[in-house]
Amino acid sequence: MPKAQLKQIAQRVIAEEAEAILKLSERINDDFADAVEVILKSERRLIVTGIGKSANIATKIVATLNSTGTPSVFMHAADAIHGDLGIIQPGDIVMCISKSGNTPEIKVLIPIVKSMGNKLIANVGNVESFLAKNADFVLNSSVDKEACPNNLAPTSSTTAQLVMGDALAVALQEMRGFTDQDFAKYHPGGALGKQLYLRVEDLCIHNQVPKVSPEAGIREILLEISEKRLGATAVIDNDNIVGIITDGDIRRTMQNHSDVSRLIAKDIMGKGPKTINAETLAVEALHLMKEKNITQLLVEKNHQYFGVIHLHDILREGIL
């Protein structure tokens, strides 16, 4: 098959799914708002269930809900009617995801959920289905057709289910006033979380603290940069930062002077070096390094020289 034809297939699928999602916005109604309010008022969990491809979508929605402040649990619809119903506790809200809303497992599960007194939300592609007619709130995720050429494989429909779940999660997040700091609390091990909580001090505190006086000779400067292994040293006068000398400064000095033996730190240093506060987020240090095209920043704490943060310190944490 020609590459041009393959690209056309991909473009068609993307266009058809995009159209399905745009139409989804027209189906947001009072049931959506009421479902958000019920979940917000609940002191229990949201149990999300489904079968087949809808179950796969349910697991992702649960992950998004949990990471944005809504305690949620996945329950497979088939497993539920074979012993896992104990997952549902009094006060829990159940959201069932299905395209048809009429699968055998759902027809068994839904009456049980209703008999237990739990509120039921349907994220469903058929508003005339058994699931929709028995739900307390209906989130209409119907699509005109699948992106599959045979209109069979769940494609546009599962995308619609996922987007409806994301809309629910984000609405809940905003209503809870869920902040970036809350997000970091739930993502302490990932790069996203580190961008929101890891500070300059957390990284540079493990580094040695290179410094020389303005009168230091070239040998002392070289030893300090080499021993502290940060590619630079601060120049400190009366506890104040007056300059920085990088290994690049040393190389340029040696290229431009035939005799460097008489040079001292104040002859070589870059004046007015870029500094950053120890309490600043590490990701902001990264942005500053990129902006200024540098690999080190001198760190200050309580208006005193505290150390050096290197680009590699940040990259090692996976912050990009």
C-alpha atoms as a PDB file:
ATOM      1  CA  MET A   1       0.000   0.000   0.000  1.00  0.00           C
ATOM      2  CA  PRO A   2       1.458   3.419  -0.922  1.00  0.00           C
ATOM      3  CA  LYS A   3       2.587   5.662   1.926  1.00  0.00           C
ATOM      4  CA  ALA A   4       0.239   8.398   0.765  1.00  0.00           C
ATOM      5  CA  GLN A   5      -2.735   6.074   1.167  1.00  0.00           C
ATOM      6  CA  LEU A   6      -1.597   4.991   4.649  1.00  0.00           C
ATOM      7  CA  LYS A   7      -1.339   8.620   5.702  1.00  0.00           C
ATOM      8  CA  GLN A   8      -4.825   9.275   4.349  1.00  0.00           C
ATOM      9  CA  ILE A   9      -6.215   6.435   6.469  1.00  0.00           C
ATOM     10  CA  ALA A  10      -4.613   7.885   9.599  1.00  0.00           C
ATOM     11  CA  GLN A  11      -5.888  11.368   8.787  1.00  0.00           C
ATOM     12  CA  ARG A  12      -9.405  10.031   8.210  1.00  0.00           C
ATOM     13  CA  VAL A  13      -9.449   8.242  11.569  1.00  0.00           C
ATOM     14  CA  ILE A  14      -8.217  11.326  13.392  1.00  0.00           C
ATOM     15  CA  ALA A  15     -10.772  13.544  11.636  1.00  0.00           C
ATOM     16  CA  GLU A  16     -13.666  11.195  12.372  1.00  0.00           C
ATOM     17  CA  GLU A  17     -12.757  10.847  16.045  1.00  0.00           C
ATOM     18  CA  ALA A  18     -12.264  14.605  16.346  1.00  0.00           C
ATOM     19  CA  GLU A  19     -15.726  15.164  14.876  1.00  0.00           C
ATOM     20  CA  ALA A  20     -17.197  12.699  17.370  1.00  0.00           C
ATOM     21  CA  ILE A  21     -15.610  14.562  20.266  1.00  0.00           C
ATOM     22  CA  LEU A  22     -16.864  17.933  19.040  1.00  0.00           C
ATOM     23  CA  LYS A  23     -20.410  16.583  18.926  1.00  0.00           C
ATOM     24  CA  LEU A  24     -19.945  15.268  22.462  1.00  0.00           C
ATOM     25  CA  SER A  25     -19.880  18.813  23.820  1.00  0.00           C
ATOM     26  CA  GLU A  26     -23.452  19.278  22.598  1.00  0.00           C
ATOM     27  CA  ARG A  27     -24.564  16.392  24.827  1.00  0.00           C
ATOM     28  CA  ILE A  28     -23.414  17.894  28.106  1.00  0.00           C
ATOM     29  CA  ASN A  29     -26.621  18.559  30.057  1.00  0.00           C
ATOM     30  CA  ASP A  30     -27.962  18.936  33.599  1.00  0.00           C
ATOM     31  CA  ASP A  31     -27.289  15.276  34.338  1.00  0.00           C
ATOM     32  CA  PHE A  32     -23.567  15.978  33.978  1.00  0.00           C
ATOM     33  CA  ALA A  33     -23.750  18.891  36.438  1.00  0.00           C
ATOM     34  CA  ASP A  34     -25.904  16.869  38.850  1.00  0.00           C
ATOM     35  CA  ALA A  35     -23.451  13.958  38.720  1.00  0.00           C
ATOM     36  CA  VAL A  36     -20.577  16.296  39.589  1.00  0.00           C
ATOM     37  CA  GLU A  37     -22.506  17.710  42.556  1.00  0.00           C
ATOM     38  CA  VAL A  38     -23.419  14.267  43.889  1.00  0.00           C
ATOM     39  CA  ILE A  39     -19.809  13.080  43.719  1.00  0.00           C
ATOM     40  CA  LEU A  40     -18.601  16.279  45.404  1.00  0.00           C
ATOM     41  CA  LYS A  41     -21.063  15.865  48.275  1.00  0.00           C
ATOM     42  CA  SER A  42     -20.206  12.210  48.783  1.00  0.00           C
ATOM     43  CA  GLU A  43     -17.731  11.277  51.495  1.00  0.00           C
ATOM     44  CA  ARG A  44     -17.213   7.890  49.856  1.00  0.00           C
ATOM     45  CA  ARG A  45     -15.569   6.663  46.654  1.00  0.00           C
ATOM     46  CA  LEU A  46     -16.512   6.583  42.998  1.00  0.00           C
ATOM     47  CA  ILE A  47     -16.571   2.986  41.736  1.00  0.00           C
ATOM     48  CA  VAL A  48     -16.025   2.861  37.958  1.00  0.00           C
ATOM     49  CA  THR A  49     -16.993  -0.294  36.087  1.00  0.00           C
ATOM     50  CA  GLY A  50     -17.297  -1.610  32.565  1.00  0.00           C
ATOM     51  CA  ILE A  51     -16.596  -4.629  30.400  1.00  0.00           C
ATOM     52  CA  GLY A  52     -14.463  -5.198  27.298  1.00  0.00           C
ATOM     53  CA  LYS A  53     -12.895  -2.068  25.828  1.00  0.00           C
ATOM     54  CA  SER A  54     -15.030   0.053  28.129  1.00  0.00           C
ATOM     55  CA  ALA A  55     -13.296  -1.601  31.078  1.00  0.00           C
ATOM     56  CA  ASN A  56      -9.956  -0.497  29.664  1.00  0.00           C
ATOM     57  CA  ILE A  57     -11.267   3.060  29.429  1.00  0.00           C
ATOM     58  CA  ALA A  58     -12.575   2.794  32.993  1.00  0.00           C
ATOM     59  CA  THR A  59      -9.121   2.015  34.380  1.00  0.00           C
ATOM     60  CA  LYS A  60      -7.692   5.154  32.779  1.00  0.00           C
ATOM     61  CA  ILE A  61     -10.546   7.316  34.060  1.00  0.00           C
ATOM     62  CA  VAL A  62      -9.990   5.945  37.566  1.00  0.00           C
ATOM     63  CA  ALA A  63      -6.300   6.861  37.328  1.00  0.00           C
ATOM     64  CA  THR A  64      -7.180  10.412  36.255  1.00  0.00           C
ATOM     65  CA  LEU A  65      -9.782  10.811  39.011  1.00  0.00           C
ATOM     66  CA  ASN A  66      -7.423   9.593  41.724  1.00  0.00           C
ATOM     67  CA  SER A  67      -4.623  11.884  40.563  1.00  0.00           C
ATOM     68  CA  THR A  68      -6.903  14.923  40.585  1.00  0.00           C
ATOM     69  CA  GLY A  69      -8.460  14.476  44.018  1.00  0.00           C
ATOM     70  CA  THR A  70     -11.471  12.176  43.538  1.00  0.00           C
ATOM     71  CA  PRO A  71     -10.965   8.808  45.326  1.00  0.00           C
ATOM     72  CA  SER A  72     -11.913   6.130  42.797  1.00  0.00           C
ATOM     73  CA  VAL A  73     -11.732   2.355  42.363  1.00  0.00           C
ATOM     74  CA  PHE A  74     -12.020   0.198  39.233  1.00  0.00           C
ATOM     75  CA  MET A  75     -14.305  -2.823  39.316  1.00  0.00           C
ATOM     76  CA  HIS A  76     -14.608  -5.106  36.284  1.00  0.00           C
ATOM     77  CA  ALA A  77     -18.286  -5.724  35.528  1.00  0.00           C
ATOM     78  CA  ALA A  78     -17.776  -9.443  34.868  1.00  0.00           C
ATOM     79  CA  ASP A  79     -15.769  -9.926  38.066  1.00  0.00           C
ATOM     80  CA  ALA A  80     -18.383  -7.965  40.001  1.00  0.00           C
ATOM     81  CA  ILE A  81     -21.080 -10.568  39.391  1.00  0.00           C
ATOM     82  CA  HIS A  82     -18.647 -13.340  40.306  1.00  0.00           C
ATOM     83  CA  GLY A  83     -17.608 -12.177  43.742  1.00  0.00           C
ATOM     84  CA  ASP A  84     -16.187  -8.645  43.497  1.00  0.00           C
ATOM     85  CA  LEU A  85     -19.386  -6.851  44.462  1.00  0.00           C
ATOM     86  CA  GLY A  86     -17.892  -6.462  47.928  1.00  0.00           C
ATOM     87  CA  ILE A  87     -15.882  -3.589  46.484  1.00  0.00           C
ATOM     88  CA  ILE A  88     -19.068  -1.503  46.567  1.00  0.00           C
ATOM     89  CA  GLN A  89     -19.773  -0.168  50.037  1.00  0.00           C
ATOM     90  CA  PRO A  90     -22.717   1.878  51.349  1.00  0.00           C
ATOM     91  CA  GLY A  91     -22.469   5.468  50.162  1.00  0.00           C
ATOM     92  CA  ASP A  92     -20.222   4.681  47.211  1.00  0.00           C
ATOM     93  CA  ILE A  93     -21.276   6.058  43.843  1.00  0.00           C
ATOM     94  CA  VAL A  94     -21.060   3.729  40.860  1.00  0.00           C
ATOM     95  CA  MET A  95     -20.310   4.846  37.313  1.00  0.00           C
ATOM     96  CA  CYS A  96     -20.869   2.226  34.619  1.00  0.00           C
ATOM     97  CA  ILE A  97     -19.273   2.713  31.195  1.00  0.00           C
ATOM     98  CA  SER A  98     -20.768   1.000  28.162  1.00  0.00           C
ATOM     99  CA  LYS A  99     -21.392   1.678  24.498  1.00  0.00           C
ATOM    100  CA  SER A 100     -24.561  -0.412  24.142  1.00  0.00           C
ATOM    101  CA  GLY A 101     -25.732  -0.363  27.748  1.00  0.00           C
ATOM    102  CA  ASN A 102     -27.322  -3.754  27.146  1.00  0.00           C
ATOM    103  CA  THR A 103     -24.609  -6.356  27.711  1.00  0.00           C
ATOM    104  CA  PRO A 104     -25.599  -9.409  29.788  1.00  0.00           C
ATOM    105  CA  GLU A 105     -23.164  -8.577  32.588  1.00  0.00           C
ATOM    106  CA  ILE A 106     -24.567  -5.065  32.931  1.00  0.00           C
ATOM    107  CA  LYS A 107     -28.138  -6.339  32.976  1.00  0.00           C
ATOM    108  CA  VAL A 108     -27.196  -8.519  35.938  1.00  0.00           C
ATOM    109  CA  LEU A 109     -25.056  -5.920  37.714  1.00  0.00           C
ATOM    110  CA  ILE A 110     -27.268  -2.840  37.526  1.00  0.00           C
ATOM    111  CA  PRO A 111     -30.299  -4.191  39.441  1.00  0.00           C
ATOM    112  CA  ILE A 112     -27.957  -5.338  42.204  1.00  0.00           C
ATOM    113  CA  VAL A 113     -26.350  -1.910  42.458  1.00  0.00           C
ATOM    114  CA  LYS A 114     -29.786  -0.285  42.590  1.00  0.00           C
ATOM    115  CA  SER A 115     -30.978  -2.709  45.274  1.00  0.00           C
ATOM    116  CA  MET A 116     -27.946  -1.784  47.394  1.00  0.00           C
ATOM    117  CA  GLY A 117     -29.048   1.856  47.325  1.00  0.00           C
ATOM    118  CA  ASN A 118     -25.966   3.248  45.559  1.00  0.00           C
ATOM    119  CA  LYS A 119     -26.321   6.137  43.141  1.00  0.00           C
ATOM    120  CA  LEU A 120     -25.636   5.098  39.549  1.00  0.00           C
ATOM    121  CA  ILE A 121     -24.044   7.190  36.789  1.00  0.00           C
ATOM    122  CA  ALA A 122     -24.155   5.873  33.222  1.00  0.00           C
ATOM    123  CA  ASN A 123     -21.415   6.888  30.781  1.00  0.00           C
ATOM    124  CA  VAL A 124     -23.247   5.313  27.885  1.00  0.00           C
ATOM    125  CA  GLY A 125     -23.454   5.415  24.106  1.00  0.00           C
ATOM    126  CA  ASN A 126     -27.126   4.413  23.928  1.00  0.00           C
ATOM    127  CA  VAL A 127     -29.508   6.613  25.897  1.00  0.00           C
ATOM    128  CA  GLU A 128     -32.383   4.181  25.255  1.00  0.00           C
ATOM    129  CA  SER A 129     -30.493   1.249  26.769  1.00  0.00           C
ATOM    130  CA  PHE A 130     -31.157  -0.762  29.907  1.00  0.00           C
ATOM    131  CA  LEU A 131     -28.247   0.987  31.627  1.00  0.00           C
ATOM    132  CA  ALA A 132     -29.417   4.487  30.732  1.00  0.00           C
ATOM    133  CA  LYS A 133     -33.021   3.850  31.790  1.00  0.00           C
ATOM    134  CA  ASN A 134     -31.923   2.542  35.202  1.00  0.00           C
ATOM    135  CA  ALA A 135     -29.261   5.169  35.936  1.00  0.00           C
ATOM    136  CA  ASP A 136     -29.744   8.166  38.199  1.00  0.00           C
ATOM    137  CA  PHE A 137     -27.599  10.305  35.889  1.00  0.00           C
ATOM    138  CA  VAL A 138     -26.840   9.744  32.197  1.00  0.00           C
ATOM    139  CA  LEU A 139     -23.666  11.031  30.558  1.00  0.00           C
ATOM    140  CA  ASN A 140     -24.372  10.725  26.853  1.00  0.00           C
ATOM    141  CA  SER A 141     -21.192   9.535  25.106  1.00  0.00           C
ATOM    142  CA  SER A 142     -22.901   8.347  21.935  1.00  0.00           C
ATOM    143  CA  VAL A 143     -21.212   8.640  18.524  1.00  0.00           C
ATOM    144  CA  ASP A 144     -22.641   8.522  15.014  1.00  0.00           C
ATOM    145  CA  LYS A 145     -20.191   5.859  13.877  1.00  0.00           C
ATOM    146  CA  GLU A 146     -16.911   4.180  14.669  1.00  0.00           C
ATOM    147  CA  ALA A 147     -13.713   5.163  12.890  1.00  0.00           C
ATOM    148  CA  CYS A 148     -13.339   1.482  12.021  1.00  0.00           C
ATOM    149  CA  PRO A 149     -14.228   1.028   8.287  1.00  0.00           C
ATOM    150  CA  ASN A 150     -16.649  -1.762   9.268  1.00  0.00           C
ATOM    151  CA  ASN A 151     -18.207   0.398  12.003  1.00  0.00           C
ATOM    152  CA  LEU A 152     -17.479  -2.405  14.469  1.00  0.00           C
ATOM    153  CA  ALA A 153     -14.226  -1.988  16.411  1.00  0.00           C
ATOM    154  CA  PRO A 154     -14.607   0.430  19.366  1.00  0.00           C
ATOM    155  CA  THR A 155     -12.689   3.505  18.250  1.00  0.00           C
ATOM    156  CA  SER A 156     -14.698   6.731  18.243  1.00  0.00           C
ATOM    157  CA  SER A 157     -16.945   5.338  20.984  1.00  0.00           C
ATOM    158  CA  THR A 158     -14.121   4.553  23.419  1.00  0.00           C
ATOM    159  CA  THR A 159     -12.525   7.927  22.687  1.00  0.00           C
ATOM    160  CA  ALA A 160     -15.844   9.574  23.544  1.00  0.00           C
ATOM    161  CA  GLN A 161     -16.096   7.580  26.786  1.00  0.00           C
ATOM    162  CA  LEU A 162     -12.591   8.642  27.737  1.00  0.00           C
ATOM    163  CA  VAL A 163     -13.181  12.322  26.987  1.00  0.00           C
ATOM    164  CA  MET A 164     -16.439  12.286  28.954  1.00  0.00           C
ATOM    165  CA  GLY A 165     -14.530  10.797  31.878  1.00  0.00           C
ATOM    166  CA  ASP A 166     -11.839  13.452  31.564  1.00  0.00           C
ATOM    167  CA  ALA A 167     -14.511  16.171  31.504  1.00  0.00           C
ATOM    168  CA  LEU A 168     -15.973  14.742  34.713  1.00  0.00           C
ATOM    169  CA  ALA A 169     -12.558  14.521  36.398  1.00  0.00           C
ATOM    170  CA  VAL A 170     -11.556  18.075  35.485  1.00  0.00           C
ATOM    171  CA  ALA A 171     -14.924  19.499  36.550  1.00  0.00           C
ATOM    172  CA  LEU A 172     -14.497  17.800  39.924  1.00  0.00           C
ATOM    173  CA  GLN A 173     -10.905  19.004  40.153  1.00  0.00           C
ATOM    174  CA  GLU A 174     -11.889  22.623  39.578  1.00  0.00           C
ATOM    175  CA  MET A 175     -14.838  22.448  41.971  1.00  0.00           C
ATOM    176  CA  ARG A 176     -12.545  21.054  44.683  1.00  0.00           C
ATOM    177  CA  GLY A 177     -10.034  23.854  44.114  1.00  0.00           C
ATOM    178  CA  PHE A 178      -7.378  21.200  43.480  1.00  0.00           C
ATOM    179  CA  THR A 179      -4.060  23.081  43.144  1.00  0.00           C
ATOM    180  CA  ASP A 180      -0.702  22.279  41.571  1.00  0.00           C
ATOM    181  CA  GLN A 181       0.628  21.591  45.075  1.00  0.00           C
ATOM    182  CA  ASP A 182      -2.154  19.035  45.609  1.00  0.00           C
ATOM    183  CA  PHE A 183      -1.186  17.477  42.291  1.00  0.00           C
ATOM    184  CA  ALA A 184       2.445  17.245  43.392  1.00  0.00           C
ATOM    185  CA  LYS A 185       1.373  15.488  46.590  1.00  0.00           C
ATOM    186  CA  TYR A 186      -0.216  12.705  44.529  1.00  0.00           C
ATOM    187  CA  HIS A 187       2.732  12.509  42.073  1.00  0.00           C
ATOM    188  CA  PRO A 188       5.849  12.574  44.283  1.00  0.00           C
ATOM    189  CA  GLY A 189       7.809  10.091  42.187  1.00  0.00           C
ATOM    190  CA  GLY A 190       7.144  11.362  38.693  1.00  0.00           C
ATOM    191  CA  ALA A 191       8.700  14.103  36.635  1.00  0.00           C
ATOM    192  CA  LEU A 192       5.471  16.111  36.780  1.00  0.00           C
ATOM    193  CA  GLY A 193       5.429  16.034  40.557  1.00  0.00           C
ATOM    194  CA  LYS A 194       9.093  16.917  40.812  1.00  0.00           C
ATOM    195  CA  GLN A 195       8.482  20.022  38.713  1.00  0.00           C
ATOM    196  CA  LEU A 196       5.946  21.125  41.299  1.00  0.00           C
ATOM    197  CA  TYR A 197       7.763  20.393  44.560  1.00  0.00           C
ATOM    198  CA  LEU A 198      11.507  19.889  44.024  1.00  0.00           C
ATOM    199  CA  ARG A 199      13.434  23.030  44.969  1.00  0.00           C
ATOM    200  CA  VAL A 200      16.947  24.222  44.168  1.00  0.00           C
ATOM    201  CA  GLU A 201      18.072  23.597  47.746  1.00  0.00           C
ATOM    202  CA  ASP A 202      16.964  19.950  47.537  1.00  0.00           C
ATOM    203  CA  LEU A 203      19.509  19.401  44.756  1.00  0.00           C
ATOM    204  CA  CYS A 204      22.442  21.692  45.486  1.00  0.00           C
ATOM    205  CA  ILE A 205      22.639  20.710  49.163  1.00  0.00           C
ATOM    206  CA  HIS A 206      24.355  17.505  48.035  1.00  0.00           C
ATOM    207  CA  ASN A 207      27.039  19.427  46.136  1.00  0.00           C
ATOM    208  CA  GLN A 208      30.266  20.834  47.490  1.00  0.00           C
ATOM    209  CA  VAL A 209      30.479  24.633  47.758  1.00  0.00           C
ATOM    210  CA  PRO A 210      33.267  26.033  45.567  1.00  0.00           C
ATOM    211  CA  LYS A 211      34.517  29.511  46.380  1.00  0.00           C
ATOM    212  CA  VAL A 212      37.654  31.632  46.092  1.00  0.00           C
ATOM    213  CA  SER A 213      38.574  35.155  47.046  1.00  0.00           C
ATOM    214  CA  PRO A 214      39.079  37.896  44.436  1.00  0.00           C
ATOM    215  CA  GLU A 215      42.826  37.669  45.120  1.00  0.00           C
ATOM    216  CA  ALA A 216      43.104  33.921  44.514  1.00  0.00           C
ATOM    217  CA  GLY A 217      45.719  32.882  41.991  1.00  0.00           C
ATOM    218  CA  ILE A 218      45.191  30.749  38.927  1.00  0.00           C
ATOM    219  CA  ARG A 219      46.444  27.561  40.625  1.00  0.00           C
ATOM    220  CA  GLU A 220      44.053  27.959  43.550  1.00  0.00           C
ATOM    221  CA  ILE A 221      41.174  28.616  41.158  1.00  0.00           C
ATOM    222  CA  LEU A 222      41.954  25.531  39.077  1.00  0.00           C
ATOM    223  CA  LEU A 223      42.192  23.322  42.158  1.00  0.00           C
ATOM    224  CA  GLU A 224      38.905  24.614  43.550  1.00  0.00           C
ATOM    225  CA  ILE A 225      37.024  24.011  40.304  1.00  0.00           C
ATOM    226  CA  SER A 226      38.613  20.584  39.879  1.00  0.00           C
ATOM    227  CA  GLU A 227      38.076  19.384  43.456  1.00  0.00           C
ATOM    228  CA  LYS A 228      34.468  20.549  43.766  1.00  0.00           C
ATOM    229  CA  ARG A 229      33.582  19.020  40.368  1.00  0.00           C
ATOM    230  CA  LEU A 230      30.915  21.558  39.377  1.00  0.00           C
ATOM    231  CA  GLY A 231      32.715  23.248  36.501  1.00  0.00           C
ATOM    232  CA  ALA A 232      32.746  26.616  38.253  1.00  0.00           C
ATOM    233  CA  THR A 233      33.510  28.491  41.420  1.00  0.00           C
ATOM    234  CA  ALA A 234      31.994  31.533  43.045  1.00  0.00           C
ATOM    235  CA  VAL A 235      34.189  34.522  43.831  1.00  0.00           C
ATOM    236  CA  ILE A 236      33.348  35.749  47.322  1.00  0.00           C
ATOM    237  CA  ASP A 237      34.372  39.036  48.928  1.00  0.00           C
ATOM    238  CA  ASN A 238      33.209  39.861  52.490  1.00  0.00           C
ATOM    239  CA  ASP A 239      30.565  37.126  52.240  1.00  0.00           C
ATOM    240  CA  ASN A 240      29.174  38.688  49.055  1.00  0.00           C
ATOM    241  CA  ILE A 241      29.086  37.094  45.615  1.00  0.00           C
ATOM    242  CA  VAL A 242      31.137  39.328  43.310  1.00  0.00           C
ATOM    243  CA  GLY A 243      31.733  36.982  40.399  1.00  0.00           C
ATOM    244  CA  ILE A 244      31.881  33.501  38.938  1.00  0.00           C
ATOM    245  CA  ILE A 245      34.685  31.646  37.172  1.00  0.00           C
ATOM    246  CA  THR A 246      33.821  28.668  34.984  1.00  0.00           C
ATOM    247  CA  ASP A 247      36.154  26.154  33.410  1.00  0.00           C
ATOM    248  CA  GLY A 248      35.272  27.873  30.121  1.00  0.00           C
ATOM    249  CA  ASP A 249      36.567  31.170  31.522  1.00  0.00           C
ATOM    250  CA  ILE A 250      39.855  29.453  32.379  1.00  0.00           C
ATOM    251  CA  ARG A 251      40.237  28.044  28.864  1.00  0.00           C
ATOM    252  CA  ARG A 252      39.515  31.398  27.232  1.00  0.00           C
ATOM    253  CA  THR A 253      41.963  33.132  29.567  1.00  0.00           C
ATOM    254  CA  MET A 254      44.743  30.704  28.676  1.00  0.00           C
ATOM    255  CA  GLN A 255      44.031  31.179  24.971  1.00  0.00           C
ATOM    256  CA  ASN A 256      44.186  34.973  25.264  1.00  0.00           C
ATOM    257  CA  HIS A 257      47.206  35.306  27.590  1.00  0.00           C
ATOM    258  CA  SER A 258      50.679  33.920  27.045  1.00  0.00           C
ATOM    259  CA  ASP A 259      51.440  34.206  30.780  1.00  0.00           C
ATOM    260  CA  VAL A 260      48.620  33.573  33.249  1.00  0.00           C
ATOM    261  CA  SER A 261      50.795  33.166  36.330  1.00  0.00           C
ATOM    262  CA  ARG A 262      50.155  36.727  37.491  1.00  0.00           C
ATOM    263  CA  LEU A 263      46.399  36.715  36.934  1.00  0.00           C
ATOM    264  CA  ILE A 264      44.055  36.531  39.902  1.00  0.00           C
ATOM    265  CA  ALA A 265      40.371  35.758  40.274  1.00  0.00           C
ATOM    266  CA  LYS A 266      39.116  39.311  39.829  1.00  0.00           C
ATOM    267  CA  ASP A 267      40.952  39.488  36.481  1.00  0.00           C
ATOM    268  CA  ILE A 268      39.202  36.395  35.157  1.00  0.00           C
ATOM    269  CA  MET A 269      35.771  36.302  36.761  1.00  0.00           C
ATOM    270  CA  GLY A 270      32.499  37.141  35.150  1.00  0.00           C
ATOM    271  CA  LYS A 271      30.941  39.995  37.066  1.00  0.00           C
ATOM    272  CA  GLY A 272      27.290  40.134  38.081  1.00  0.00           C
ATOM    273  CA  PRO A 273      26.713  36.375  37.812  1.00  0.00           C
ATOM    274  CA  LYS A 274      23.227  34.920  37.581  1.00  0.00           C
ATOM    275  CA  THR A 275      22.018  33.736  40.982  1.00  0.00           C
ATOM    276  CA  ILE A 276      18.926  31.941  42.215  1.00  0.00           C
ATOM    277  CA  ASN A 277      17.285  31.587  45.614  1.00  0.00           C
ATOM    278  CA  ALA A 278      17.512  28.200  47.299  1.00  0.00           C
ATOM    279  CA  GLU A 279      13.721  28.107  47.747  1.00  0.00           C
ATOM    280  CA  THR A 280      13.045  28.470  44.018  1.00  0.00           C
ATOM    281  CA  LEU A 281      11.602  25.470  42.185  1.00  0.00           C
ATOM    282  CA  ALA A 282      14.256  23.456  40.350  1.00  0.00           C
ATOM    283  CA  VAL A 283      12.261  23.676  37.118  1.00  0.00           C
ATOM    284  CA  GLU A 284      12.587  27.481  37.254  1.00  0.00           C
ATOM    285  CA  ALA A 285      16.352  27.095  37.562  1.00  0.00           C
ATOM    286  CA  LEU A 286      16.251  24.928  34.452  1.00  0.00           C
ATOM    287  CA  HIS A 287      14.285  27.565  32.528  1.00  0.00           C
ATOM    288  CA  LEU A 288      16.773  30.255  33.570  1.00  0.00           C
ATOM    289  CA  MET A 289      19.752  28.136  32.471  1.00  0.00           C
ATOM    290  CA  LYS A 290      18.137  27.520  29.094  1.00  0.00           C
ATOM    291  CA  GLU A 291      17.287  31.191  28.672  1.00  0.00           C
ATOM    292  CA  LYS A 292      20.829  32.348  29.491  1.00  0.00           C
ATOM    293  CA  ASN A 293      22.525  29.359  27.799  1.00  0.00           C
ATOM    294  CA  ILE A 294      24.485  28.457  30.940  1.00  0.00           C
ATOM    295  CA  THR A 295      25.005  25.228  32.872  1.00  0.00           C
ATOM    296  CA  GLN A 296      25.467  26.495  36.441  1.00  0.00           C
ATOM    297  CA  LEU A 297      23.774  28.945  38.757  1.00  0.00           C
ATOM    298  CA  LEU A 298      25.071  30.313  42.025  1.00  0.00           C
ATOM    299  CA  VAL A 299      22.587  29.709  44.833  1.00  0.00           C
ATOM    300  CA  GLU A 300      21.764  32.130  47.631  1.00  0.00           C
ATOM    301  CA  LYS A 301      19.934  31.488  50.885  1.00  0.00           C
ATOM    302  CA  ASN A 302      19.067  34.237  53.357  1.00  0.00           C
ATOM    303  CA  HIS A 303      21.087  36.610  51.161  1.00  0.00           C
ATOM    304  CA  GLN A 304      24.233  34.497  51.617  1.00  0.00           C
ATOM    305  CA  TYR A 305      26.131  32.313  49.167  1.00  0.00           C
ATOM    306  CA  PHE A 306      24.803  28.759  49.581  1.00  0.00           C
ATOM    307  CA  GLY A 307      26.299  26.741  46.721  1.00  0.00           C
ATOM    308  CA  VAL A 308      25.996  25.838  43.041  1.00  0.00           C
ATOM    309  CA  ILE A 309      23.277  24.029  41.120  1.00  0.00           C
ATOM    310  CA  HIS A 310      24.376  22.393  37.881  1.00  0.00           C
ATOM    311  CA  LEU A 311      22.234  21.531  34.874  1.00  0.00           C
ATOM    312  CA  HIS A 312      23.082  17.858  35.395  1.00  0.00           C
ATOM    313  CA  ASP A 313      21.600  17.973  38.917  1.00  0.00           C
ATOM    314  CA  ILE A 314      18.229  18.841  37.408  1.00  0.00           C
ATOM    315  CA  LEU A 315      18.387  16.478  34.455  1.00  0.00           C
ATOM    316  CA  ARG A 316      19.220  13.568  36.760  1.00  0.00           C
ATOM    317  CA  GLU A 317      15.801  14.060  38.378  1.00  0.00           C
ATOM    318  CA  GLY A 318      14.073  13.690  35.024  1.00  0.00           C
ATOM    319  CA  ILE A 319      12.983  17.324  34.900  1.00  0.00           C
ATOM    320  CA  LEU A 320      13.068  18.513  31.296  1.00  0.00           C
END
